[in-house]
Amino acid sequence: MIDLPFTLAVTRAAPSHIAAVAAVSFDAVAGTPGLLGRFLLVCSVSGLLAAIAMDVPMSQGEDGFTPAYVATAVLKRTTPSEVKFAAAMVVHHVVGILAGGLYGVVYLSASSLIPGVMAVGGVGLVPHLAATIAVAAFIYGFFAHFVFPRASRRIYEERATAVRGQWLRAAVVFGVGVGVIVPTLTTAL
């Protein structure tokens, strides 16, 4: 058994096989100087990588990067047609970083309420699933029902269903990305 700031139990089954069960709890992370910051940094990097993964379905969709253009237009208080591609990509990826940080906060809150029965990578499975689903649902709902209606009325009236559908697919990709990347990166913490 190895004691680390995380609750981590490691047993050696055979020379080439190591079974590890890890669960990050709010108390362990908050009680260790620098660990909270590292955990939130890992979550933010995971959000960025998941946002980059979202680029694939967005680039292949009929409406392309319309969600990124719409979000940037709302922030800049302009129309989507006036937004440059580079600006849309910067906003899209920065929002990915922020959503990753949000995942970290939701995870830490959930892990303080939900016992860590089982772990995946360096995070408790149930709080991880709860945080992943909550953040993916939030980014879809926030865009689809708050940001998008405030964009150009023409896009909203003509393409609302298609753009929301594309954003839903992209949000699912984000959720799957965070769902895989966070446990992978937290094993290195």
Protein backbone atom coordinates (compact mmCIF):
# COMPACT_ATOMS: atom_id res chain seq x y z
CA MET A 1 0.00 0.00 0.00
CA ILE A 2 1.32 3.44 -0.96
CA ASP A 3 -0.03 6.51 0.84
CA LEU A 4 -0.29 9.58 -1.35
CA PRO A 5 -2.32 12.77 -1.01
CA PHE A 6 -4.99 10.90 -2.95
CA THR A 7 -6.57 7.84 -1.41
CA LEU A 8 -4.52 5.37 -3.43
CA ALA A 9 -4.13 1.67 -2.90
CA VAL A 10 -1.70 -0.19 -5.15
CA THR A 11 -1.24 -3.94 -5.06
CA ARG A 12 1.14 -5.98 -7.17
CA ALA A 13 -0.60 -9.00 -8.72
CA ALA A 14 2.30 -9.98 -10.97
CA PRO A 15 5.53 -8.25 -12.05
CA SER A 16 3.86 -6.83 -15.17
CA HIS A 17 0.41 -6.11 -13.71
CA ILE A 18 -0.42 -3.41 -11.20
CA ALA A 19 -3.98 -2.93 -10.07
CA ALA A 20 -4.68 0.51 -8.71
CA VAL A 21 -7.78 1.95 -7.15
CA ALA A 22 -7.71 5.71 -6.68
CA ALA A 23 -10.28 8.21 -5.60
CA VAL A 24 -9.72 11.94 -5.34
CA SER A 25 -11.71 13.34 -2.47
CA PHE A 26 -12.33 16.98 -1.78
CA ASP A 27 -10.63 16.73 1.62
CA ALA A 28 -7.49 15.14 0.18
CA VAL A 29 -7.18 17.66 -2.63
CA ALA A 30 -8.09 20.74 -0.58
CA GLY A 31 -5.86 19.66 2.31
CA THR A 32 -2.71 19.37 0.22
CA PRO A 33 -0.99 22.61 -0.84
CA GLY A 34 -0.73 22.82 -4.61
CA LEU A 35 -2.74 19.66 -5.26
CA LEU A 36 -6.01 21.54 -5.73
CA GLY A 37 -4.34 23.82 -8.27
CA ARG A 38 -2.78 20.87 -10.10
CA PHE A 39 -6.10 19.03 -10.18
CA LEU A 40 -7.92 22.07 -11.59
CA LEU A 41 -5.09 22.59 -14.11
CA VAL A 42 -5.43 18.97 -15.25
CA CYS A 43 -9.19 19.47 -15.59
CA SER A 44 -8.68 22.68 -17.59
CA VAL A 45 -6.16 20.99 -19.91
CA SER A 46 -8.65 18.14 -20.31
CA GLY A 47 -11.31 20.69 -21.26
CA LEU A 48 -9.00 22.20 -23.88
CA LEU A 49 -8.22 18.79 -25.35
CA ALA A 50 -11.93 17.90 -25.38
CA ALA A 51 -12.70 21.22 -27.13
CA ILE A 52 -10.07 20.36 -29.74
CA ALA A 53 -11.78 16.98 -30.17
CA MET A 54 -15.05 18.88 -30.71
CA ASP A 55 -13.46 20.52 -33.75
CA VAL A 56 -13.85 17.24 -35.69
CA PRO A 57 -17.67 16.97 -35.61
CA MET A 58 -18.00 20.73 -35.92
CA SER A 59 -15.84 20.81 -39.05
CA GLN A 60 -17.79 17.97 -40.63
CA GLY A 61 -21.25 19.32 -39.85
CA GLU A 62 -23.34 21.17 -42.41
CA ASP A 63 -23.17 24.32 -40.31
CA GLY A 64 -19.45 24.03 -39.68
CA PHE A 65 -18.23 26.15 -36.81
CA THR A 66 -21.46 28.16 -36.57
CA PRO A 67 -21.71 27.56 -32.79
CA ALA A 68 -18.22 29.03 -32.30
CA TYR A 69 -19.06 32.00 -34.53
CA VAL A 70 -22.34 32.57 -32.69
CA ALA A 71 -20.72 32.45 -29.25
CA THR A 72 -17.97 34.84 -30.34
CA ALA A 73 -20.51 37.20 -31.91
CA VAL A 74 -22.52 37.33 -28.69
CA LEU A 75 -19.37 38.08 -26.68
CA LYS A 76 -18.22 40.76 -29.13
CA ARG A 77 -21.77 42.12 -29.56
CA THR A 78 -21.62 41.77 -33.31
CA THR A 79 -23.09 39.44 -35.93
CA PRO A 80 -21.68 35.98 -36.66
CA SER A 81 -20.85 37.03 -40.23
CA GLU A 82 -18.46 39.68 -38.89
CA VAL A 83 -16.50 37.20 -36.73
CA LYS A 84 -13.12 36.00 -38.00
CA PHE A 85 -12.33 32.28 -37.91
CA ALA A 86 -9.32 32.77 -35.60
CA ALA A 87 -11.42 34.69 -33.07
CA ALA A 88 -14.11 31.99 -33.13
CA MET A 89 -11.49 29.30 -32.51
CA VAL A 90 -9.90 31.21 -29.64
CA VAL A 91 -13.26 31.69 -27.93
CA HIS A 92 -14.25 28.07 -28.55
CA HIS A 93 -11.04 26.72 -27.02
CA VAL A 94 -11.00 29.17 -24.09
CA VAL A 95 -14.55 28.09 -23.30
CA GLY A 96 -13.27 24.49 -23.39
CA ILE A 97 -10.65 25.40 -20.79
CA LEU A 98 -13.27 27.09 -18.61
CA ALA A 99 -15.63 24.11 -18.98
CA GLY A 100 -12.79 21.83 -17.90
CA GLY A 101 -12.30 23.98 -14.81
CA LEU A 102 -16.04 23.82 -14.20
CA TYR A 103 -15.81 20.03 -14.42
CA GLY A 104 -13.14 20.14 -11.69
CA VAL A 105 -15.31 22.23 -9.37
CA VAL A 106 -18.38 20.04 -9.99
CA TYR A 107 -16.29 16.90 -9.51
CA LEU A 108 -14.87 18.12 -6.20
CA SER A 109 -18.35 19.09 -5.00
CA ALA A 110 -19.83 15.76 -6.09
CA SER A 111 -16.96 13.77 -4.57
CA SER A 112 -17.56 15.41 -1.21
CA LEU A 113 -21.19 14.21 -1.33
CA ILE A 114 -20.90 10.87 -3.13
CA PRO A 115 -18.69 8.18 -1.65
CA GLY A 116 -15.86 6.91 -3.85
CA VAL A 117 -16.94 3.29 -4.28
CA MET A 118 -14.84 2.64 -7.34
CA ALA A 119 -12.26 4.64 -9.26
CA VAL A 120 -11.27 5.14 -12.84
CA GLY A 121 -7.78 6.54 -13.28
CA GLY A 122 -7.25 9.06 -10.53
CA VAL A 123 -10.90 9.99 -9.96
CA GLY A 124 -13.90 8.39 -8.29
CA LEU A 125 -16.18 6.83 -10.91
CA VAL A 126 -19.59 8.06 -9.73
CA PRO A 127 -18.57 11.70 -9.07
CA HIS A 128 -16.65 11.66 -12.37
CA LEU A 129 -19.69 10.49 -14.33
CA ALA A 130 -21.93 12.98 -12.52
CA ALA A 131 -19.56 15.88 -13.23
CA THR A 132 -18.99 14.86 -16.85
CA ILE A 133 -22.72 14.60 -17.59
CA ALA A 134 -23.51 17.81 -15.70
CA VAL A 135 -20.88 19.87 -17.53
CA ALA A 136 -21.71 18.46 -20.99
CA ALA A 137 -25.42 19.15 -20.36
CA PHE A 138 -24.59 22.64 -19.09
CA ILE A 139 -22.49 23.60 -22.12
CA TYR A 140 -25.22 22.35 -24.46
CA GLY A 141 -28.04 24.02 -22.54
CA PHE A 142 -26.17 27.29 -22.02
CA PHE A 143 -25.35 27.60 -25.74
CA ALA A 144 -28.69 26.33 -27.05
CA HIS A 145 -30.96 28.31 -24.75
CA PHE A 146 -28.98 31.36 -23.67
CA VAL A 147 -26.24 32.20 -26.19
CA PHE A 148 -27.81 31.05 -29.44
CA PRO A 149 -31.15 32.94 -29.08
CA ARG A 150 -29.16 36.16 -28.55
CA ALA A 151 -27.32 35.76 -31.83
CA SER A 152 -28.44 36.89 -35.23
CA ARG A 153 -32.19 36.40 -35.58
CA ARG A 154 -31.71 35.19 -39.15
CA ILE A 155 -29.54 32.24 -38.11
CA TYR A 156 -31.74 31.52 -35.12
CA GLU A 157 -34.96 31.48 -37.18
CA GLU A 158 -33.60 29.67 -40.23
CA ARG A 159 -31.22 27.09 -38.78
CA ALA A 160 -32.10 26.74 -35.07
CA THR A 161 -32.79 23.01 -35.10
CA ALA A 162 -29.76 22.14 -37.23
CA VAL A 163 -27.35 24.30 -35.22
CA ARG A 164 -28.67 23.00 -31.89
CA GLY A 165 -28.39 19.44 -33.18
CA GLN A 166 -24.82 20.04 -34.26
CA TRP A 167 -24.01 21.61 -30.92
CA LEU A 168 -25.58 18.64 -29.12
CA ARG A 169 -23.29 16.25 -31.02
CA ALA A 170 -20.30 18.46 -30.26
CA ALA A 171 -21.25 18.64 -26.55
CA VAL A 172 -21.46 14.84 -26.43
CA VAL A 173 -17.96 14.65 -27.96
CA PHE A 174 -16.79 17.12 -25.30
CA GLY A 175 -18.33 14.99 -22.54
CA VAL A 176 -16.76 11.80 -23.88
CA GLY A 177 -13.43 13.62 -24.23
CA VAL A 178 -13.48 14.86 -20.64
CA GLY A 179 -14.75 11.45 -19.55
CA VAL A 180 -11.65 9.78 -20.98
CA ILE A 181 -8.99 12.48 -20.64
CA VAL A 182 -9.49 13.43 -16.97
CA PRO A 183 -9.00 9.87 -15.63
CA THR A 184 -6.01 9.42 -17.91
CA LEU A 185 -4.28 12.64 -16.82
CA THR A 186 -5.15 12.32 -13.13
CA THR A 187 -3.30 9.02 -12.92
CA ALA A 188 -0.14 11.09 -13.39
CA LEU A 189 -0.99 13.43 -10.49
